[in-house]
Amino acid sequence: MPRNRKSLPYSEFKIITKDDECFTIGKLELLQMNVLKHLFIDVTADNNEVKLHNISSTSFKIIVDYAKLYLHDDHYAVREIGPHTLHLKDYTFLKNYEEHFNELLVATDYLDFPRLMDAILLYIREYFVIGHTQESLCHNLGLHPKPNKKEMDELHKW
């Protein structure tokens, strides 16, 4: 009997990160990450294991823990105009992971995990951008402000 390839045949999935740590995640966590969902439905339907060559175990653990917050919530629908404020549940979770935001944004973009991507961007907007000058914003995000003309001339000498 042919299997319906448009559904997930397993209830648990093994994800191996770039640093070779293995995670076992359930179907409800997996369904929140569109790339993994489609990978297991369309590409590796006969296997419940995949290696993510560009996501660290640290980032993936944070991503899975965040997905667990929303296991039983309604499907997240991406809107052109997103939510205006960060939910308390998201703030409470994300405040512990600010130093991982750069890697998390790359990983959530790769995994196509819009709920977490939107939450991180809202967090950055509300706690790093609104009411800050360019200098304080760069400092808070660990960025260097754009060099002035004198600094650019110095750089070009090298």
Protein backbone atom coordinates (compact mmCIF):
# COMPACT_ATOMS: atom_id res chain seq x y z
CA MET A 1 0.00 0.00 0.00
CA PRO A 2 1.61 3.31 -1.07
CA ARG A 3 2.20 5.81 1.70
CA ASN A 4 0.73 9.31 1.51
CA ARG A 5 3.89 11.39 0.98
CA LYS A 6 2.13 14.60 2.04
CA SER A 7 2.05 13.65 5.72
CA LEU A 8 4.75 13.03 8.28
CA PRO A 9 5.12 9.27 8.71
CA TYR A 10 6.97 9.44 12.04
CA SER A 11 6.11 10.92 15.43
CA GLU A 12 9.73 11.68 16.36
CA PHE A 13 12.56 13.05 14.26
CA LYS A 14 16.31 13.05 14.78
CA ILE A 15 18.11 16.26 13.93
CA ILE A 16 21.92 16.29 13.97
CA THR A 17 23.53 19.72 14.24
CA LYS A 18 26.77 20.87 12.64
CA ASP A 19 28.64 20.02 15.84
CA ASP A 20 27.22 16.47 15.69
CA GLU A 21 24.81 16.76 18.61
CA CYS A 22 21.64 14.73 18.10
CA PHE A 23 18.20 16.07 19.02
CA THR A 24 14.99 14.10 19.02
CA ILE A 25 12.02 16.36 18.40
CA GLY A 26 8.33 15.64 18.10
CA LYS A 27 6.02 16.28 15.21
CA LEU A 28 4.51 19.41 16.80
CA GLU A 29 7.92 21.08 17.15
CA LEU A 30 8.92 20.05 13.64
CA LEU A 31 5.74 21.40 12.05
CA GLN A 32 6.65 24.92 13.19
CA MET A 33 9.83 24.87 11.07
CA ASN A 34 8.78 24.89 7.44
CA VAL A 35 12.09 23.71 5.98
CA LEU A 36 12.24 20.64 8.23
CA LYS A 37 8.57 19.92 7.67
CA HIS A 38 8.97 19.93 3.89
CA LEU A 39 12.27 18.11 4.07
CA PHE A 40 10.71 15.19 5.92
CA ILE A 41 7.55 15.20 3.79
CA ASP A 42 9.10 15.63 0.35
CA VAL A 43 12.75 14.65 0.45
CA THR A 44 13.46 12.18 3.23
CA ALA A 45 10.01 10.67 3.71
CA ASP A 46 11.54 7.23 4.24
CA ASN A 47 13.93 8.42 6.94
CA ASN A 48 13.40 10.28 10.22
CA GLU A 49 16.94 11.67 10.54
CA VAL A 50 18.64 14.67 8.96
CA LYS A 51 21.85 16.64 9.50
CA LEU A 52 21.80 20.44 9.62
CA HIS A 53 25.26 21.45 8.44
CA ASN A 54 24.92 25.13 9.32
CA ILE A 55 23.11 25.23 12.68
CA SER A 56 24.89 24.73 15.99
CA SER A 57 23.54 22.65 18.83
CA THR A 58 23.34 25.79 21.00
CA SER A 59 21.08 27.54 18.51
CA PHE A 60 19.01 24.47 17.74
CA LYS A 61 18.36 23.82 21.43
CA ILE A 62 17.09 27.39 21.85
CA ILE A 63 14.91 27.01 18.75
CA VAL A 64 13.40 23.72 19.96
CA ASP A 65 12.79 25.13 23.45
CA TYR A 66 11.00 28.10 21.88
CA ALA A 67 8.91 25.81 19.66
CA LYS A 68 7.81 23.92 22.78
CA LEU A 69 6.25 27.14 24.11
CA TYR A 70 3.73 26.99 21.25
CA LEU A 71 3.07 23.26 20.88
CA HIS A 72 -0.67 23.56 21.35
CA ASP A 73 -1.30 27.04 19.96
CA ASP A 74 -2.94 27.76 16.65
CA HIS A 75 -0.82 27.73 13.51
CA TYR A 76 1.22 30.93 13.21
CA ALA A 77 0.09 32.92 10.20
CA VAL A 78 2.59 35.39 8.82
CA ARG A 79 0.94 38.74 8.25
CA GLU A 80 2.18 41.62 6.17
CA ILE A 81 1.63 43.85 9.16
CA GLY A 82 2.84 41.87 12.13
CA PRO A 83 1.92 42.19 15.76
CA HIS A 84 2.53 45.62 17.20
CA THR A 85 4.03 44.45 20.49
CA LEU A 86 6.03 41.54 21.75
CA HIS A 87 4.06 38.97 23.74
CA LEU A 88 5.10 38.54 27.37
CA LYS A 89 5.76 34.83 26.75
CA ASP A 90 8.22 35.74 23.98
CA TYR A 91 9.95 38.45 26.03
CA THR A 92 10.32 36.15 29.04
CA PHE A 93 11.92 33.49 26.86
CA LEU A 94 14.11 35.70 24.64
CA LYS A 95 15.60 37.95 27.35
CA ASN A 96 17.90 35.07 28.30
CA TYR A 97 19.27 34.67 24.78
CA GLU A 98 20.15 38.17 23.56
CA GLU A 99 23.78 37.20 22.94
CA HIS A 100 22.59 34.51 20.50
CA PHE A 101 20.31 36.72 18.39
CA ASN A 102 22.63 36.98 15.37
CA GLU A 103 23.03 33.21 15.05
CA LEU A 104 19.36 32.62 15.88
CA LEU A 105 18.20 34.99 13.15
CA VAL A 106 20.29 33.15 10.58
CA ALA A 107 19.08 29.75 11.83
CA THR A 108 15.40 30.75 11.97
CA ASP A 109 15.64 32.21 8.49
CA TYR A 110 17.21 28.98 7.21
CA LEU A 111 14.61 26.81 8.97
CA ASP A 112 11.79 29.16 7.93
CA PHE A 113 10.49 29.48 11.48
CA PRO A 114 8.49 32.72 11.18
CA ARG A 115 7.10 32.82 14.72
CA LEU A 116 10.57 32.91 16.28
CA MET A 117 11.95 35.23 13.60
CA ASP A 118 9.15 37.74 14.23
CA ALA A 119 9.58 37.47 18.01
CA ILE A 120 13.34 38.18 17.82
CA LEU A 121 12.83 41.13 15.48
CA LEU A 122 10.10 42.57 17.70
CA TYR A 123 12.33 42.12 20.73
CA ILE A 124 15.18 43.96 19.00
CA ARG A 125 12.82 46.72 17.89
CA GLU A 126 11.28 47.21 21.32
CA TYR A 127 14.35 46.82 23.52
CA PHE A 128 17.23 47.98 21.34
CA VAL A 129 15.89 50.38 18.71
CA ILE A 130 12.93 52.46 19.89
CA GLY A 131 14.16 55.53 21.74
CA HIS A 132 17.87 54.94 21.08
CA THR A 133 20.41 56.98 19.15
CA GLN A 134 22.49 55.41 16.41
CA GLU A 135 25.49 55.27 18.74
CA SER A 136 23.62 53.55 21.59
CA LEU A 137 21.93 51.19 19.13
CA CYS A 138 25.32 50.14 17.72
CA HIS A 139 26.67 49.69 21.24
CA ASN A 140 23.66 47.64 22.39
CA LEU A 141 23.82 45.35 19.36
CA GLY A 142 27.60 45.00 19.45
CA LEU A 143 27.97 46.77 16.10
CA HIS A 144 30.46 49.42 15.08
CA PRO A 145 29.03 52.68 13.78
CA LYS A 146 29.85 53.65 10.23
CA PRO A 147 33.39 55.11 10.13
CA ASN A 148 33.66 58.84 9.46
CA LYS A 149 35.72 60.23 6.55
CA LYS A 150 38.92 60.49 8.59
CA GLU A 151 38.62 56.87 9.75
CA MET A 152 37.88 55.72 6.19
CA ASP A 153 41.00 57.51 4.93
CA GLU A 154 43.03 55.72 7.61
CA LEU A 155 41.56 52.37 6.57
CA HIS A 156 42.44 52.96 2.91
CA LYS A 157 46.09 53.60 3.81
CA TRP A 158 46.44 49.97 4.84
